[in-house]
Protein backbone atom coordinates (compact mmCIF):
# COMPACT_ATOMS: atom_id res chain seq x y z
CA MET A 1 171.37 59.45 2.48
CA ASN A 2 170.76 61.37 -0.75
CA ARG A 3 168.02 63.97 -0.87
CA ILE A 4 166.43 63.85 -4.31
CA LEU A 5 163.91 66.11 -6.02
CA LEU A 6 161.85 64.28 -8.63
CA ASP A 7 161.19 66.13 -11.86
CA SER A 8 157.78 65.71 -13.49
CA SER A 9 159.38 63.54 -16.21
CA VAL A 10 160.32 61.02 -13.52
CA LEU A 11 156.89 61.22 -11.89
CA ILE A 12 155.30 60.40 -15.25
CA ASP A 13 157.64 57.43 -15.69
CA ILE A 14 156.82 56.17 -12.18
CA TRP A 15 153.09 56.61 -12.93
CA ARG A 16 153.40 54.49 -16.07
CA LYS A 17 155.91 51.84 -14.96
CA GLY A 18 156.14 51.97 -11.16
CA GLU A 19 159.04 52.78 -8.85
CA SER A 20 160.81 49.48 -9.52
CA GLY A 21 162.63 51.09 -12.45
CA TRP A 22 164.14 53.64 -10.09
CA PRO A 23 166.22 51.79 -7.45
CA VAL A 24 167.86 55.06 -6.37
CA LEU A 25 164.54 56.01 -4.74
CA GLU A 26 164.84 53.13 -2.27
CA THR A 27 167.96 54.59 -0.66
CA SER A 28 167.14 58.29 -0.65
CA SER A 29 164.80 60.88 0.81
CA ASN A 30 162.53 61.91 -2.05
CA TYR A 31 160.83 65.23 -2.70
CA VAL A 32 158.52 66.86 -5.24
CA SER A 33 158.52 70.59 -5.95
CA THR A 34 155.36 72.65 -6.20
CA ILE A 35 156.04 73.03 -9.94
CA SER A 36 156.35 69.28 -10.63
CA TYR A 37 153.34 68.66 -8.38
CA ILE A 38 151.21 71.05 -10.46
CA GLU A 39 152.57 69.81 -13.82
CA PHE A 40 151.85 66.19 -12.90
CA LEU A 41 148.40 66.88 -11.50
CA GLN A 42 147.50 68.98 -14.53
CA GLY A 43 148.22 65.98 -16.78
CA ALA A 44 145.81 63.69 -14.90
CA ASN A 45 142.20 63.45 -16.02
CA ARG A 46 139.25 63.52 -13.64
CA ARG A 47 139.26 59.73 -13.09
CA GLN A 48 143.01 59.70 -12.43
CA LYS A 49 143.14 62.60 -9.93
CA LYS A 50 142.73 60.49 -6.79
CA ASP A 51 145.50 58.08 -7.80
CA ALA A 52 147.69 60.95 -9.01
CA LEU A 53 147.35 62.67 -5.63
CA GLY A 54 148.15 59.35 -3.94
CA LEU A 55 151.42 59.15 -5.88
CA LEU A 56 152.34 62.78 -5.23
CA ASN A 57 151.61 62.49 -1.52
CA ARG A 58 154.13 59.65 -1.15
CA TYR A 59 156.87 62.28 -1.43
CA ASP A 60 157.73 65.27 0.72
CA HIS A 61 156.66 68.57 -0.85
CA VAL A 62 159.15 71.39 -1.44
CA ARG A 63 157.09 74.55 -1.62
CA LEU A 64 158.01 77.76 -3.37
CA ASP A 65 159.54 80.32 -1.04
CA ALA A 66 161.29 83.67 -1.37
CA ALA A 67 164.79 82.17 -1.60
CA THR A 68 163.72 79.77 -4.35
CA SER A 69 161.99 82.57 -6.25
CA ASP A 70 165.08 84.78 -6.02
CA ALA A 71 167.33 81.95 -7.18
CA ALA A 72 165.01 81.22 -10.11
CA VAL A 73 165.14 84.87 -11.19
CA ALA A 74 168.95 84.70 -11.18
CA LEU A 75 168.90 81.46 -13.20
CA ILE A 76 166.52 82.94 -15.78
CA ASP A 77 168.73 86.03 -16.04
CA LYS A 78 171.79 83.89 -16.67
CA HIS A 79 170.39 81.00 -18.75
CA SER A 80 167.17 81.95 -20.53
CA GLU A 81 168.66 83.54 -23.64
CA THR A 82 171.87 81.54 -23.93
CA ASP A 83 170.62 78.10 -22.86
CA GLY A 84 166.86 78.33 -23.35
CA LEU A 85 166.02 77.81 -19.67
CA ARG A 86 162.26 78.14 -19.13
CA LEU A 87 160.35 79.25 -16.05
CA ALA A 88 159.27 75.85 -14.70
CA ASP A 89 162.76 74.38 -15.07
CA ALA A 90 164.32 77.45 -13.44
CA LEU A 91 162.01 77.07 -10.43
CA ILE A 92 162.78 73.34 -10.16
CA ALA A 93 166.54 73.92 -10.39
CA ALA A 94 166.33 76.79 -7.90
CA ALA A 95 164.47 74.58 -5.41
CA CYS A 96 167.30 72.05 -5.66
CA LEU A 97 170.01 74.65 -5.17
CA VAL A 98 168.29 76.40 -2.26
CA HIS A 99 167.29 73.22 -0.43
CA ASP A 100 170.46 71.22 -1.22
CA LEU A 101 168.69 68.54 -3.26
CA ASP A 102 169.92 66.45 -6.19
CA LEU A 103 167.66 66.47 -9.26
CA LEU A 104 166.38 63.24 -10.79
CA THR A 105 165.15 64.00 -14.31
CA LEU A 106 164.80 62.43 -17.74
CA ASN A 107 165.39 65.88 -19.29
CA ARG A 108 169.04 66.39 -18.36
CA ARG A 109 169.69 68.81 -21.23
CA HIS A 110 167.22 71.29 -19.72
CA PHE A 111 169.45 71.59 -16.65
CA GLN A 112 172.98 70.63 -17.67
CA LYS A 113 174.41 74.16 -17.86
CA ILE A 114 173.39 75.13 -14.33
CA VAL A 115 176.47 75.29 -12.12
CA ASN A 116 176.30 73.44 -8.78
CA LEU A 117 173.13 71.56 -9.72
CA LYS A 118 173.70 67.83 -9.21
CA LEU A 119 171.82 65.75 -11.78
CA ILE A 120 171.02 62.10 -11.25
């Protein structure tokens, strides 16, 4: 079974259209990183918070840890100037690499230069 980390772009799409547009989620273990969790929650208004938390809590949470932080620093060092990698994306990619997760995103170009990161 695939282990998939959902990027905030996918969470937004699921929020708007539902999971039915994402059949890969039916046959995988699905996770949300602390970064995507915060980004998604930050975009919800006061009335939407309860439903937003309900959506987020359907997925296992991958928290930031020392190994993920160290990997993100290495990714920023390698990709920030040449490929424009930003902090949030570096932390998301690092979480995938450290925890052996595939990344499901609508923003493939943000991550495409990262070696060993499997994009779905």
